[in-house]
Amino acid sequence: MNGMEQKEMNLKERAKKLKLNIYAIYLSIKDKDTPVLAKILAGITVAYALSPIDLIPDFIPVLGYLDDLILLPILITLTLKFIPKEIFERNSEKAKNIMLNAKMKKWYFAIPIILIWMVFFALLIWLIFK
């Protein structure tokens, strides 16, 4: 295996781990044992990870992807500090099992984003026609 293949494999592993962490964080939001502050941070992290809107749009060369490469890992790290280790490990195992069994539906992740956009547009329409 040459260096380029090794880097590609490493990036794929990182992407897989990132996806697993985001799903485990999402499951932690629904976990009754997760503290409220951790749920709030987890909600922000998952919303940012799944949102099509970035702080710096992706079409801006280099900077557009830097927020995804820097901000998302920071949000994940910060969120993980507030979720108790045993709760995250339990939800991480659930996430692995769901991903391995291919029961996860991609549209399931879109629901929170769709709801956020619906609320945003409802408020916008309300403000316009007020």
C-alpha atoms as a PDB file:
ATOM      1  CA  MET A   1       0.000   0.000   0.000  1.00  0.00           C
ATOM      2  CA  ASN A   2       1.534   3.293  -1.054  1.00  0.00           C
ATOM      3  CA  GLY A   3       1.341   6.564   0.879  1.00  0.00           C
ATOM      4  CA  MET A   4      -1.568   7.950  -1.151  1.00  0.00           C
ATOM      5  CA  GLU A   5      -3.712   4.834  -0.572  1.00  0.00           C
ATOM      6  CA  GLN A   6      -2.853   4.966   3.126  1.00  0.00           C
ATOM      7  CA  LYS A   7      -3.938   8.637   3.384  1.00  0.00           C
ATOM      8  CA  GLU A   8      -7.159   7.841   1.534  1.00  0.00           C
ATOM      9  CA  MET A   9      -7.856   4.943   3.906  1.00  0.00           C
ATOM     10  CA  ASN A  10      -7.138   7.191   6.892  1.00  0.00           C
ATOM     11  CA  LEU A  11      -9.552   9.848   5.572  1.00  0.00           C
ATOM     12  CA  LYS A  12     -12.252   7.220   5.022  1.00  0.00           C
ATOM     13  CA  GLU A  13     -11.781   5.924   8.566  1.00  0.00           C
ATOM     14  CA  ARG A  14     -11.968   9.455   9.960  1.00  0.00           C
ATOM     15  CA  ALA A  15     -15.124  10.192   7.979  1.00  0.00           C
ATOM     16  CA  LYS A  16     -16.695   6.956   9.215  1.00  0.00           C
ATOM     17  CA  LYS A  17     -15.784   7.802  12.818  1.00  0.00           C
ATOM     18  CA  LEU A  18     -17.137  11.336  12.423  1.00  0.00           C
ATOM     19  CA  LYS A  19     -20.415   9.962  11.069  1.00  0.00           C
ATOM     20  CA  LEU A  20     -20.616   7.479  13.940  1.00  0.00           C
ATOM     21  CA  ASN A  21     -19.900  10.191  16.531  1.00  0.00           C
ATOM     22  CA  ILE A  22     -22.571  12.483  15.114  1.00  0.00           C
ATOM     23  CA  TYR A  23     -25.131   9.668  15.171  1.00  0.00           C
ATOM     24  CA  ALA A  24     -24.106   8.698  18.738  1.00  0.00           C
ATOM     25  CA  ILE A  25     -24.447  12.342  19.785  1.00  0.00           C
ATOM     26  CA  TYR A  26     -27.897  12.396  18.189  1.00  0.00           C
ATOM     27  CA  LEU A  27     -28.866   9.284  20.161  1.00  0.00           C
ATOM     28  CA  SER A  28     -27.521  10.962  23.304  1.00  0.00           C
ATOM     29  CA  ILE A  29     -30.013  13.800  22.813  1.00  0.00           C
ATOM     30  CA  LYS A  30     -32.830  11.281  23.067  1.00  0.00           C
ATOM     31  CA  ASP A  31     -31.255   9.505  26.064  1.00  0.00           C
ATOM     32  CA  LYS A  32     -33.059  10.377  29.305  1.00  0.00           C
ATOM     33  CA  ASP A  33     -29.793  10.141  31.276  1.00  0.00           C
ATOM     34  CA  THR A  34     -28.028  12.850  29.264  1.00  0.00           C
ATOM     35  CA  PRO A  35     -27.735  16.156  31.177  1.00  0.00           C
ATOM     36  CA  VAL A  36     -29.682  19.136  29.802  1.00  0.00           C
ATOM     37  CA  LEU A  37     -26.587  21.206  28.930  1.00  0.00           C
ATOM     38  CA  ALA A  38     -25.143  18.253  27.027  1.00  0.00           C
ATOM     39  CA  LYS A  39     -28.444  17.872  25.137  1.00  0.00           C
ATOM     40  CA  ILE A  40     -28.357  21.541  24.150  1.00  0.00           C
ATOM     41  CA  LEU A  41     -24.758  21.298  22.898  1.00  0.00           C
ATOM     42  CA  ALA A  42     -25.556  18.009  21.170  1.00  0.00           C
ATOM     43  CA  GLY A  43     -28.528  19.614  19.435  1.00  0.00           C
ATOM     44  CA  ILE A  44     -26.359  22.474  18.181  1.00  0.00           C
ATOM     45  CA  THR A  45     -23.685  20.027  17.006  1.00  0.00           C
ATOM     46  CA  VAL A  46     -26.102  17.750  15.162  1.00  0.00           C
ATOM     47  CA  ALA A  47     -27.956  20.699  13.634  1.00  0.00           C
ATOM     48  CA  TYR A  48     -24.683  22.206  12.401  1.00  0.00           C
ATOM     49  CA  ALA A  49     -23.440  18.868  11.073  1.00  0.00           C
ATOM     50  CA  LEU A  50     -26.636  18.232   9.125  1.00  0.00           C
ATOM     51  CA  SER A  51     -27.480  21.776   8.116  1.00  0.00           C
ATOM     52  CA  PRO A  52     -26.909  22.762   4.514  1.00  0.00           C
ATOM     53  CA  ILE A  53     -26.043  26.248   5.801  1.00  0.00           C
ATOM     54  CA  ASP A  54     -22.457  26.876   6.954  1.00  0.00           C
ATOM     55  CA  LEU A  55     -21.043  29.895   8.737  1.00  0.00           C
ATOM     56  CA  ILE A  56     -18.697  30.306   5.785  1.00  0.00           C
ATOM     57  CA  PRO A  57     -20.322  29.108   2.515  1.00  0.00           C
ATOM     58  CA  ASP A  58     -18.534  26.230   0.774  1.00  0.00           C
ATOM     59  CA  PHE A  59     -18.272  28.120  -2.517  1.00  0.00           C
ATOM     60  CA  ILE A  60     -15.655  30.445  -0.963  1.00  0.00           C
ATOM     61  CA  PRO A  61     -12.334  28.833  -1.901  1.00  0.00           C
ATOM     62  CA  VAL A  62     -10.470  27.143   0.978  1.00  0.00           C
ATOM     63  CA  LEU A  63     -12.279  29.071   3.743  1.00  0.00           C
ATOM     64  CA  GLY A  64     -15.583  27.438   2.857  1.00  0.00           C
ATOM     65  CA  TYR A  65     -14.317  24.019   3.868  1.00  0.00           C
ATOM     66  CA  LEU A  66     -12.219  25.191   6.799  1.00  0.00           C
ATOM     67  CA  ASP A  67     -15.267  25.752   8.986  1.00  0.00           C
ATOM     68  CA  ASP A  68     -16.292  22.141   8.382  1.00  0.00           C
ATOM     69  CA  LEU A  69     -12.783  20.900   9.075  1.00  0.00           C
ATOM     70  CA  ILE A  70     -12.311  23.023  12.198  1.00  0.00           C
ATOM     71  CA  LEU A  71     -15.673  24.020  13.648  1.00  0.00           C
ATOM     72  CA  LEU A  72     -17.416  20.633  13.446  1.00  0.00           C
ATOM     73  CA  PRO A  73     -14.631  18.728  15.255  1.00  0.00           C
ATOM     74  CA  ILE A  74     -14.521  21.477  17.907  1.00  0.00           C
ATOM     75  CA  LEU A  75     -18.289  21.212  18.409  1.00  0.00           C
ATOM     76  CA  ILE A  76     -18.069  17.416  18.642  1.00  0.00           C
ATOM     77  CA  THR A  77     -15.180  17.574  21.123  1.00  0.00           C
ATOM     78  CA  LEU A  78     -16.964  20.160  23.268  1.00  0.00           C
ATOM     79  CA  THR A  79     -20.203  18.155  23.229  1.00  0.00           C
ATOM     80  CA  LEU A  80     -18.393  14.954  24.196  1.00  0.00           C
ATOM     81  CA  LYS A  81     -16.919  16.705  27.236  1.00  0.00           C
ATOM     82  CA  PHE A  82     -20.443  17.320  28.549  1.00  0.00           C
ATOM     83  CA  ILE A  83     -21.930  13.904  27.773  1.00  0.00           C
ATOM     84  CA  PRO A  84     -20.977  11.410  30.514  1.00  0.00           C
ATOM     85  CA  LYS A  85     -18.617   8.763  29.141  1.00  0.00           C
ATOM     86  CA  GLU A  86     -20.875   5.778  29.910  1.00  0.00           C
ATOM     87  CA  ILE A  87     -23.849   7.429  28.181  1.00  0.00           C
ATOM     88  CA  PHE A  88     -21.814   8.223  25.067  1.00  0.00           C
ATOM     89  CA  GLU A  89     -20.313   4.725  24.954  1.00  0.00           C
ATOM     90  CA  ARG A  90     -23.791   3.181  25.253  1.00  0.00           C
ATOM     91  CA  ASN A  91     -25.115   5.389  22.449  1.00  0.00           C
ATOM     92  CA  SER A  92     -22.005   4.820  20.364  1.00  0.00           C
ATOM     93  CA  GLU A  93     -22.620   1.060  20.536  1.00  0.00           C
ATOM     94  CA  LYS A  94     -26.255   1.610  19.537  1.00  0.00           C
ATOM     95  CA  ALA A  95     -25.090   3.752  16.610  1.00  0.00           C
ATOM     96  CA  LYS A  96     -22.600   1.072  15.482  1.00  0.00           C
ATOM     97  CA  ASN A  97     -25.250  -1.631  15.623  1.00  0.00           C
ATOM     98  CA  ILE A  98     -27.756   0.455  13.703  1.00  0.00           C
ATOM     99  CA  MET A  99     -25.183   1.367  11.056  1.00  0.00           C
ATOM    100  CA  LEU A 100     -24.005  -2.226  10.725  1.00  0.00           C
ATOM    101  CA  ASN A 101     -27.532  -3.534  10.403  1.00  0.00           C
ATOM    102  CA  ALA A 102     -28.297  -0.853   7.795  1.00  0.00           C
ATOM    103  CA  LYS A 103     -31.567   0.008   9.522  1.00  0.00           C
ATOM    104  CA  MET A 104     -30.725   3.695   9.565  1.00  0.00           C
ATOM    105  CA  LYS A 105     -32.639   5.755   7.045  1.00  0.00           C
ATOM    106  CA  LYS A 106     -30.889   8.852   5.707  1.00  0.00           C
ATOM    107  CA  TRP A 107     -34.115  10.846   5.644  1.00  0.00           C
ATOM    108  CA  TYR A 108     -34.372  10.388   9.405  1.00  0.00           C
ATOM    109  CA  PHE A 109     -31.560  12.902   9.848  1.00  0.00           C
ATOM    110  CA  ALA A 110     -33.318  15.430   7.640  1.00  0.00           C
ATOM    111  CA  ILE A 111     -36.328  15.764   9.954  1.00  0.00           C
ATOM    112  CA  PRO A 112     -34.730  18.231  12.437  1.00  0.00           C
ATOM    113  CA  ILE A 113     -33.366  20.377   9.603  1.00  0.00           C
ATOM    114  CA  ILE A 114     -36.714  20.413   7.803  1.00  0.00           C
ATOM    115  CA  LEU A 115     -38.436  21.439  11.040  1.00  0.00           C
ATOM    116  CA  ILE A 116     -35.939  24.256  11.615  1.00  0.00           C
ATOM    117  CA  TRP A 117     -36.467  25.554   8.071  1.00  0.00           C
ATOM    118  CA  MET A 118     -40.267  25.314   8.424  1.00  0.00           C
ATOM    119  CA  VAL A 119     -40.141  27.387  11.624  1.00  0.00           C
ATOM    120  CA  PHE A 120     -37.792  29.891   9.978  1.00  0.00           C
ATOM    121  CA  PHE A 121     -40.057  30.325   6.952  1.00  0.00           C
ATOM    122  CA  ALA A 122     -43.177  30.513   9.122  1.00  0.00           C
ATOM    123  CA  LEU A 123     -41.570  33.317  11.155  1.00  0.00           C
ATOM    124  CA  LEU A 124     -40.430  35.059   7.993  1.00  0.00           C
ATOM    125  CA  ILE A 125     -43.924  34.910   6.472  1.00  0.00           C
ATOM    126  CA  TRP A 126     -45.426  36.072   9.756  1.00  0.00           C
ATOM    127  CA  LEU A 127     -43.039  39.064   9.861  1.00  0.00           C
ATOM    128  CA  ILE A 128     -43.725  39.985   6.239  1.00  0.00           C
ATOM    129  CA  PHE A 129     -47.511  39.875   6.546  1.00  0.00           C
ATOM    130  CA  LYS A 130     -47.769  41.240  10.068  1.00  0.00           C
END
